[in-house]
């Protein structure tokens, strides 16, 4: 006899049909179909690039470089 385990995660997968030789507990689980993504518009691409450029890590790096450049005697 096979123990059947059910969990919220397991319910997202669909079991394939069992054959006559295959016991019920030996069914294989198939993952759900991957989501379909629409092509991004030009506005969304620009927003994504602007968001990546203005990320906090980039701003901190730019600020440290600006402070270091300003603290030197050379202006080039």
PDB file of N, CA and C in Angstrom:
ATOM      1  N   UNK A   1       0.837  -1.181   0.000  1.00  0.00           N
ATOM      2  CA  UNK A   1       0.000   0.000   0.000  1.00  0.00           C
ATOM      3  C   UNK A   1       0.877   1.238   0.000  1.00  0.00           C
ATOM      4  N   UNK A   2       0.518   2.202  -0.783  1.00  0.00           N
ATOM      5  CA  UNK A   2       1.296   3.423  -0.918  1.00  0.00           C
ATOM      6  C   UNK A   2       0.694   4.517  -0.054  1.00  0.00           C
ATOM      7  N   UNK A   3       1.576   5.288   0.555  1.00  0.00           N
ATOM      8  CA  UNK A   3       1.123   6.434   1.327  1.00  0.00           C
ATOM      9  C   UNK A   3       0.993   7.627   0.387  1.00  0.00           C
ATOM     10  N   UNK A   4      -0.119   8.304   0.472  1.00  0.00           N
ATOM     11  CA  UNK A   4      -0.350   9.463  -0.378  1.00  0.00           C
ATOM     12  C   UNK A   4      -0.097  10.702   0.460  1.00  0.00           C
ATOM     13  N   UNK A   5       0.782  11.558  -0.018  1.00  0.00           N
ATOM     14  CA  UNK A   5       1.115  12.787   0.683  1.00  0.00           C
ATOM     15  C   UNK A   5       0.523  13.947  -0.098  1.00  0.00           C
ATOM     16  N   UNK A   6      -0.246  14.776   0.552  1.00  0.00           N
ATOM     17  CA  UNK A   6      -0.799  15.938  -0.131  1.00  0.00           C
ATOM     18  C   UNK A   6      -0.378  17.189   0.622  1.00  0.00           C
ATOM     19  N   UNK A   7       0.079  18.150  -0.114  1.00  0.00           N
ATOM     20  CA  UNK A   7       0.470  19.439   0.448  1.00  0.00           C
ATOM     21  C   UNK A   7       0.055  20.517  -0.541  1.00  0.00           C
ATOM     22  N   UNK A   8       0.031  21.769  -0.109  1.00  0.00           N
ATOM     23  CA  UNK A   8      -0.313  22.843  -1.045  1.00  0.00           C
ATOM     24  C   UNK A   8       0.640  22.882  -2.247  1.00  0.00           C
ATOM     25  N   UNK A   9       1.924  22.568  -2.013  1.00  0.00           N
ATOM     26  CA  UNK A   9       2.884  22.567  -3.104  1.00  0.00           C
ATOM     27  C   UNK A   9       2.604  21.421  -4.064  1.00  0.00           C
ATOM     28  N   UNK A  10       2.260  20.267  -3.533  1.00  0.00           N
ATOM     29  CA  UNK A  10       2.020  19.105  -4.380  1.00  0.00           C
ATOM     30  C   UNK A  10       0.768  19.263  -5.229  1.00  0.00           C
ATOM     31  N   UNK A  11      -0.167  20.070  -4.796  1.00  0.00           N
ATOM     32  CA  UNK A  11      -1.396  20.226  -5.573  1.00  0.00           C
ATOM     33  C   UNK A  11      -1.184  21.077  -6.817  1.00  0.00           C
ATOM     34  N   UNK A  12      -0.049  21.774  -6.905  1.00  0.00           N
ATOM     35  CA  UNK A  12       0.218  22.569  -8.101  1.00  0.00           C
ATOM     36  C   UNK A  12       0.656  21.698  -9.270  1.00  0.00           C
ATOM     37  N   UNK A  13       1.059  20.479  -8.991  1.00  0.00           N
ATOM     38  CA  UNK A  13       1.496  19.580 -10.045  1.00  0.00           C
ATOM     39  C   UNK A  13       0.360  18.635 -10.404  1.00  0.00           C
ATOM     40  N   UNK A  14       0.281  18.259 -11.662  1.00  0.00           N
ATOM     41  CA  UNK A  14      -0.766  17.347 -12.082  1.00  0.00           C
ATOM     42  C   UNK A  14      -0.162  15.973 -12.301  1.00  0.00           C
ATOM     43  N   UNK A  15      -0.793  14.963 -11.789  1.00  0.00           N
ATOM     44  CA  UNK A  15      -0.301  13.603 -11.943  1.00  0.00           C
ATOM     45  C   UNK A  15      -0.706  13.058 -13.300  1.00  0.00           C
ATOM     46  N   UNK A  16       0.209  12.331 -13.915  1.00  0.00           N
ATOM     47  CA  UNK A  16      -0.123  11.693 -15.185  1.00  0.00           C
ATOM     48  C   UNK A  16      -0.943  10.444 -14.901  1.00  0.00           C
ATOM     49  N   UNK A  17      -1.613   9.952 -15.888  1.00  0.00           N
ATOM     50  CA  UNK A  17      -2.464   8.790 -15.673  1.00  0.00           C
ATOM     51  C   UNK A  17      -1.618   7.545 -15.493  1.00  0.00           C
ATOM     52  N   UNK A  18      -2.042   6.688 -14.608  1.00  0.00           N
ATOM     53  CA  UNK A  18      -1.313   5.455 -14.327  1.00  0.00           C
ATOM     54  C   UNK A  18      -1.743   4.373 -15.319  1.00  0.00           C
ATOM     55  N   UNK A  19      -0.793   3.550 -15.687  1.00  0.00           N
ATOM     56  CA  UNK A  19      -1.115   2.422 -16.565  1.00  0.00           C
ATOM     57  C   UNK A  19      -1.531   1.233 -15.712  1.00  0.00           C
ATOM     58  N   UNK A  20      -1.920   0.151 -16.347  1.00  0.00           N
ATOM     59  CA  UNK A  20      -2.375  -1.037 -15.619  1.00  0.00           C
ATOM     60  C   UNK A  20      -1.241  -1.651 -14.808  1.00  0.00           C
ATOM     61  N   UNK A  21      -0.001  -1.601 -15.300  1.00  0.00           N
ATOM     62  CA  UNK A  21       1.126  -2.176 -14.592  1.00  0.00           C
ATOM     63  C   UNK A  21       1.681  -1.254 -13.509  1.00  0.00           C
ATOM     64  N   UNK A  22       1.366   0.001 -13.594  1.00  0.00           N
ATOM     65  CA  UNK A  22       1.947   0.976 -12.682  1.00  0.00           C
ATOM     66  C   UNK A  22       1.008   1.223 -11.502  1.00  0.00           C
ATOM     67  N   UNK A  23       1.474   1.022 -10.268  1.00  0.00           N
ATOM     68  CA  UNK A  23       0.612   1.304  -9.119  1.00  0.00           C
ATOM     69  C   UNK A  23       0.339   2.805  -8.995  1.00  0.00           C
ATOM     70  N   UNK A  24      -0.698   3.122  -8.268  1.00  0.00           N
ATOM     71  CA  UNK A  24      -1.125   4.516  -8.149  1.00  0.00           C
ATOM     72  C   UNK A  24      -0.052   5.407  -7.534  1.00  0.00           C
ATOM     73  N   UNK A  25       0.713   4.900  -6.587  1.00  0.00           N
ATOM     74  CA  UNK A  25       1.709   5.716  -5.907  1.00  0.00           C
ATOM     75  C   UNK A  25       2.953   5.949  -6.756  1.00  0.00           C
ATOM     76  N   UNK A  26       3.073   5.290  -7.898  1.00  0.00           N
ATOM     77  CA  UNK A  26       4.254   5.432  -8.737  1.00  0.00           C
ATOM     78  C   UNK A  26       4.035   6.422  -9.881  1.00  0.00           C
ATOM     79  N   UNK A  27       2.973   7.184  -9.851  1.00  0.00           N
ATOM     80  CA  UNK A  27       2.722   8.172 -10.888  1.00  0.00           C
ATOM     81  C   UNK A  27       3.816   9.237 -10.865  1.00  0.00           C
ATOM     82  N   UNK A  28       4.125   9.736 -12.020  1.00  0.00           N
ATOM     83  CA  UNK A  28       5.104  10.815 -12.088  1.00  0.00           C
ATOM     84  C   UNK A  28       4.365  12.147 -12.116  1.00  0.00           C
ATOM     85  N   UNK A  29       4.986  13.146 -11.559  1.00  0.00           N
ATOM     86  CA  UNK A  29       4.372  14.468 -11.513  1.00  0.00           C
ATOM     87  C   UNK A  29       4.954  15.328 -12.620  1.00  0.00           C
ATOM     88  N   UNK A  30       4.102  16.010 -13.322  1.00  0.00           N
ATOM     89  CA  UNK A  30       4.533  16.908 -14.392  1.00  0.00           C
ATOM     90  C   UNK A  30       4.447  18.348 -13.887  1.00  0.00           C
ATOM     91  N   UNK A  31       5.491  19.155 -14.106  1.00  0.00           N
ATOM     92  CA  UNK A  31       5.429  20.542 -13.644  1.00  0.00           C
ATOM     93  C   UNK A  31       4.433  21.342 -14.474  1.00  0.00           C
ATOM     94  N   UNK A  32       3.936  22.438 -13.914  1.00  0.00           N
ATOM     95  CA  UNK A  32       2.986  23.260 -14.666  1.00  0.00           C
ATOM     96  C   UNK A  32       3.688  23.943 -15.844  1.00  0.00           C
ATOM     97  N   UNK A  33       2.914  24.366 -16.797  1.00  0.00           N
ATOM     98  CA  UNK A  33       3.466  25.044 -17.967  1.00  0.00           C
ATOM     99  C   UNK A  33       4.060  26.387 -17.542  1.00  0.00           C
ATOM    100  N   UNK A  34       5.188  26.787 -18.139  1.00  0.00           N
ATOM    101  CA  UNK A  34       5.773  28.077 -17.766  1.00  0.00           C
ATOM    102  C   UNK A  34       4.872  29.226 -18.216  1.00  0.00           C
ATOM    103  N   UNK A  35       4.898  30.343 -17.492  1.00  0.00           N
ATOM    104  CA  UNK A  35       4.042  31.466 -17.871  1.00  0.00           C
ATOM    105  C   UNK A  35       4.518  32.099 -19.167  1.00  0.00           C
ATOM    106  N   UNK A  36       3.600  32.632 -19.902  1.00  0.00           N
ATOM    107  CA  UNK A  36       3.925  33.312 -21.157  1.00  0.00           C
ATOM    108  C   UNK A  36       4.121  34.796 -20.864  1.00  0.00           C
ATOM    109  N   UNK A  37       5.203  35.357 -21.387  1.00  0.00           N
ATOM    110  CA  UNK A  37       5.489  36.765 -21.178  1.00  0.00           C
ATOM    111  C   UNK A  37       5.280  37.523 -22.482  1.00  0.00           C
ATOM    112  N   UNK A  38       4.678  38.669 -22.373  1.00  0.00           N
ATOM    113  CA  UNK A  38       4.477  39.520 -23.544  1.00  0.00           C
ATOM    114  C   UNK A  38       5.756  40.299 -23.826  1.00  0.00           C
ATOM    115  N   UNK A  39       5.928  40.706 -25.050  1.00  0.00           N
ATOM    116  CA  UNK A  39       7.079  41.527 -25.413  1.00  0.00           C
ATOM    117  C   UNK A  39       6.946  42.891 -24.730  1.00  0.00           C
ATOM    118  N   UNK A  40       8.062  43.416 -24.234  1.00  0.00           N
ATOM    119  CA  UNK A  40       8.049  44.701 -23.555  1.00  0.00           C
ATOM    120  C   UNK A  40       8.007  45.832 -24.569  1.00  0.00           C
ATOM    121  N   UNK A  41       7.326  46.896 -24.183  1.00  0.00           N
ATOM    122  CA  UNK A  41       7.270  48.071 -25.046  1.00  0.00           C
ATOM    123  C   UNK A  41       8.516  48.916 -24.823  1.00  0.00           C
ATOM    124  N   UNK A  42       8.709  49.916 -25.651  1.00  0.00           N
ATOM    125  CA  UNK A  42       9.859  50.807 -25.521  1.00  0.00           C
ATOM    126  C   UNK A  42       9.853  51.570 -24.209  1.00  0.00           C
ATOM    127  N   UNK A  43       8.667  51.943 -23.751  1.00  0.00           N
ATOM    128  CA  UNK A  43       8.543  52.668 -22.488  1.00  0.00           C
ATOM    129  C   UNK A  43       8.967  51.784 -21.322  1.00  0.00           C
ATOM    130  N   UNK A  44       8.557  50.528 -21.344  1.00  0.00           N
ATOM    131  CA  UNK A  44       8.934  49.603 -20.267  1.00  0.00           C
ATOM    132  C   UNK A  44      10.428  49.329 -20.277  1.00  0.00           C
ATOM    133  N   UNK A  45      11.025  49.211 -21.468  1.00  0.00           N
ATOM    134  CA  UNK A  45      12.474  49.006 -21.549  1.00  0.00           C
ATOM    135  C   UNK A  45      13.223  50.215 -21.003  1.00  0.00           C
ATOM    136  N   UNK A  46      12.775  51.420 -21.354  1.00  0.00           N
ATOM    137  CA  UNK A  46      13.412  52.636 -20.845  1.00  0.00           C
ATOM    138  C   UNK A  46      13.279  52.721 -19.325  1.00  0.00           C
ATOM    139  N   UNK A  47      12.119  52.374 -18.805  1.00  0.00           N
ATOM    140  CA  UNK A  47      11.907  52.398 -17.359  1.00  0.00           C
ATOM    141  C   UNK A  47      12.805  51.391 -16.660  1.00  0.00           C
ATOM    142  N   UNK A  48      12.981  50.219 -17.251  1.00  0.00           N
ATOM    143  CA  UNK A  48      13.840  49.198 -16.655  1.00  0.00           C
ATOM    144  C   UNK A  48      15.296  49.658 -16.645  1.00  0.00           C
ATOM    145  N   UNK A  49      15.759  50.270 -17.737  1.00  0.00           N
ATOM    146  CA  UNK A  49      17.138  50.757 -17.808  1.00  0.00           C
ATOM    147  C   UNK A  49      17.355  51.893 -16.804  1.00  0.00           C
ATOM    148  N   UNK A  50      16.409  52.817 -16.724  1.00  0.00           N
ATOM    149  CA  UNK A  50      16.516  53.927 -15.779  1.00  0.00           C
ATOM    150  C   UNK A  50      16.531  53.414 -14.342  1.00  0.00           C
ATOM    151  N   UNK A  51      15.732  52.425 -14.045  1.00  0.00           N
ATOM    152  CA  UNK A  51      15.701  51.839 -12.704  1.00  0.00           C
ATOM    153  C   UNK A  51      17.035  51.181 -12.374  1.00  0.00           C
ATOM    154  N   UNK A  52      17.627  50.480 -13.339  1.00  0.00           N
ATOM    155  CA  UNK A  52      18.913  49.830 -13.102  1.00  0.00           C
ATOM    156  C   UNK A  52      20.028  50.852 -12.909  1.00  0.00           C
ATOM    157  N   UNK A  53      19.998  51.940 -13.675  1.00  0.00           N
ATOM    158  CA  UNK A  53      21.046  52.960 -13.562  1.00  0.00           C
ATOM    159  C   UNK A  53      20.936  53.693 -12.223  1.00  0.00           C
ATOM    160  N   UNK A  54      19.732  53.977 -11.781  1.00  0.00           N
ATOM    161  CA  UNK A  54      19.533  54.724 -10.539  1.00  0.00           C
ATOM    162  C   UNK A  54      19.417  53.829  -9.304  1.00  0.00           C
ATOM    163  N   UNK A  55      19.896  52.613  -9.399  1.00  0.00           N
ATOM    164  CA  UNK A  55      19.882  51.713  -8.252  1.00  0.00           C
ATOM    165  C   UNK A  55      20.797  52.269  -7.160  1.00  0.00           C
ATOM    166  N   UNK A  56      20.503  52.017  -5.900  1.00  0.00           N
ATOM    167  CA  UNK A  56      21.309  52.569  -4.807  1.00  0.00           C
ATOM    168  C   UNK A  56      22.802  52.214  -4.896  1.00  0.00           C
ATOM    169  N   UNK A  57      23.130  51.013  -5.287  1.00  0.00           N
ATOM    170  CA  UNK A  57      24.546  50.627  -5.375  1.00  0.00           C
ATOM    171  C   UNK A  57      25.273  51.481  -6.413  1.00  0.00           C
ATOM    172  N   UNK A  58      24.630  51.757  -7.530  1.00  0.00           N
ATOM    173  CA  UNK A  58      25.254  52.595  -8.559  1.00  0.00           C
ATOM    174  C   UNK A  58      25.408  54.034  -8.085  1.00  0.00           C
ATOM    175  N   UNK A  59      24.419  54.548  -7.372  1.00  0.00           N
ATOM    176  CA  UNK A  59      24.501  55.921  -6.874  1.00  0.00           C
ATOM    177  C   UNK A  59      25.598  56.072  -5.814  1.00  0.00           C
ATOM    178  N   UNK A  60      25.748  55.097  -4.953  1.00  0.00           N
ATOM    179  CA  UNK A  60      26.804  55.137  -3.936  1.00  0.00           C
ATOM    180  C   UNK A  60      28.172  55.098  -4.604  1.00  0.00           C
ATOM    181  N   UNK A  61      28.343  54.235  -5.600  1.00  0.00           N
ATOM    182  CA  UNK A  61      29.614  54.149  -6.318  1.00  0.00           C
ATOM    183  C   UNK A  61      29.935  55.460  -7.012  1.00  0.00           C
ATOM    184  N   UNK A  62      28.960  56.052  -7.681  1.00  0.00           N
ATOM    185  CA  UNK A  62      29.176  57.331  -8.361  1.00  0.00           C
ATOM    186  C   UNK A  62      29.513  58.429  -7.361  1.00  0.00           C
ATOM    187  N   UNK A  63      28.842  58.451  -6.223  1.00  0.00           N
ATOM    188  CA  UNK A  63      29.103  59.466  -5.203  1.00  0.00           C
ATOM    189  C   UNK A  63      30.511  59.323  -4.637  1.00  0.00           C
ATOM    190  N   UNK A  64      30.956  58.098  -4.363  1.00  0.00           N
ATOM    191  CA  UNK A  64      32.317  57.890  -3.857  1.00  0.00           C
ATOM    192  C   UNK A  64      33.362  58.307  -4.886  1.00  0.00           C
ATOM    193  N   UNK A  65      33.116  58.017  -6.152  1.00  0.00           N
ATOM    194  CA  UNK A  65      34.049  58.440  -7.196  1.00  0.00           C
ATOM    195  C   UNK A  65      34.086  59.962  -7.318  1.00  0.00           C
ATOM    196  N   UNK A  66      32.921  60.599  -7.219  1.00  0.00           N
ATOM    197  CA  UNK A  66      32.868  62.065  -7.284  1.00  0.00           C
ATOM    198  C   UNK A  66      33.597  62.706  -6.106  1.00  0.00           C
ATOM    199  N   UNK A  67      33.418  62.188  -4.925  1.00  0.00           N
ATOM    200  CA  UNK A  67      34.104  62.722  -3.739  1.00  0.00           C
ATOM    201  C   UNK A  67      35.605  62.525  -3.877  1.00  0.00           C
ATOM    202  N   UNK A  68      36.018  61.349  -4.339  1.00  0.00           N
ATOM    203  CA  UNK A  68      37.448  61.102  -4.516  1.00  0.00           C
ATOM    204  C   UNK A  68      38.046  61.987  -5.579  1.00  0.00           C
ATOM    205  N   UNK A  69      37.351  62.209  -6.661  1.00  0.00           N
ATOM    206  CA  UNK A  69      37.853  63.075  -7.735  1.00  0.00           C
ATOM    207  C   UNK A  69      37.925  64.521  -7.263  1.00  0.00           C
ATOM    208  N   UNK A  70      36.932  64.944  -6.484  1.00  0.00           N
ATOM    209  CA  UNK A  70      36.887  66.331  -5.995  1.00  0.00           C
ATOM    210  C   UNK A  70      37.981  66.585  -4.957  1.00  0.00           C
ATOM    211  N   UNK A  71      38.392  65.581  -4.207  1.00  0.00           N
ATOM    212  CA  UNK A  71      39.378  65.780  -3.150  1.00  0.00           C
ATOM    213  C   UNK A  71      40.809  65.860  -3.676  1.00  0.00           C
ATOM    214  N   UNK A  72      41.045  65.543  -4.920  1.00  0.00           N
ATOM    215  CA  UNK A  72      42.396  65.627  -5.482  1.00  0.00           C
ATOM    216  C   UNK A  72      42.670  67.042  -5.949  1.00  0.00           C
ATOM    217  N   UNK A  73      43.955  67.359  -6.090  1.00  0.00           N
ATOM    218  CA  UNK A  73      44.353  68.685  -6.557  1.00  0.00           C
ATOM    219  C   UNK A  73      44.173  68.809  -8.056  1.00  0.00           C
ATOM    220  N   UNK A  74      44.267  67.692  -8.752  1.00  0.00           N
ATOM    221  CA  UNK A  74      44.160  67.705 -10.218  1.00  0.00           C
ATOM    222  C   UNK A  74      42.694  67.806 -10.632  1.00  0.00           C
ATOM    223  N   UNK A  75      42.431  68.529 -11.699  1.00  0.00           N
ATOM    224  CA  UNK A  75      41.068  68.665 -12.190  1.00  0.00           C
ATOM    225  C   UNK A  75      40.835  67.853 -13.452  1.00  0.00           C
ATOM    226  N   UNK A  76      41.767  66.987 -13.820  1.00  0.00           N
ATOM    227  CA  UNK A  76      41.604  66.178 -15.016  1.00  0.00           C
ATOM    228  C   UNK A  76      41.407  64.735 -14.684  1.00  0.00           C
TER     229      UNK A  76
END
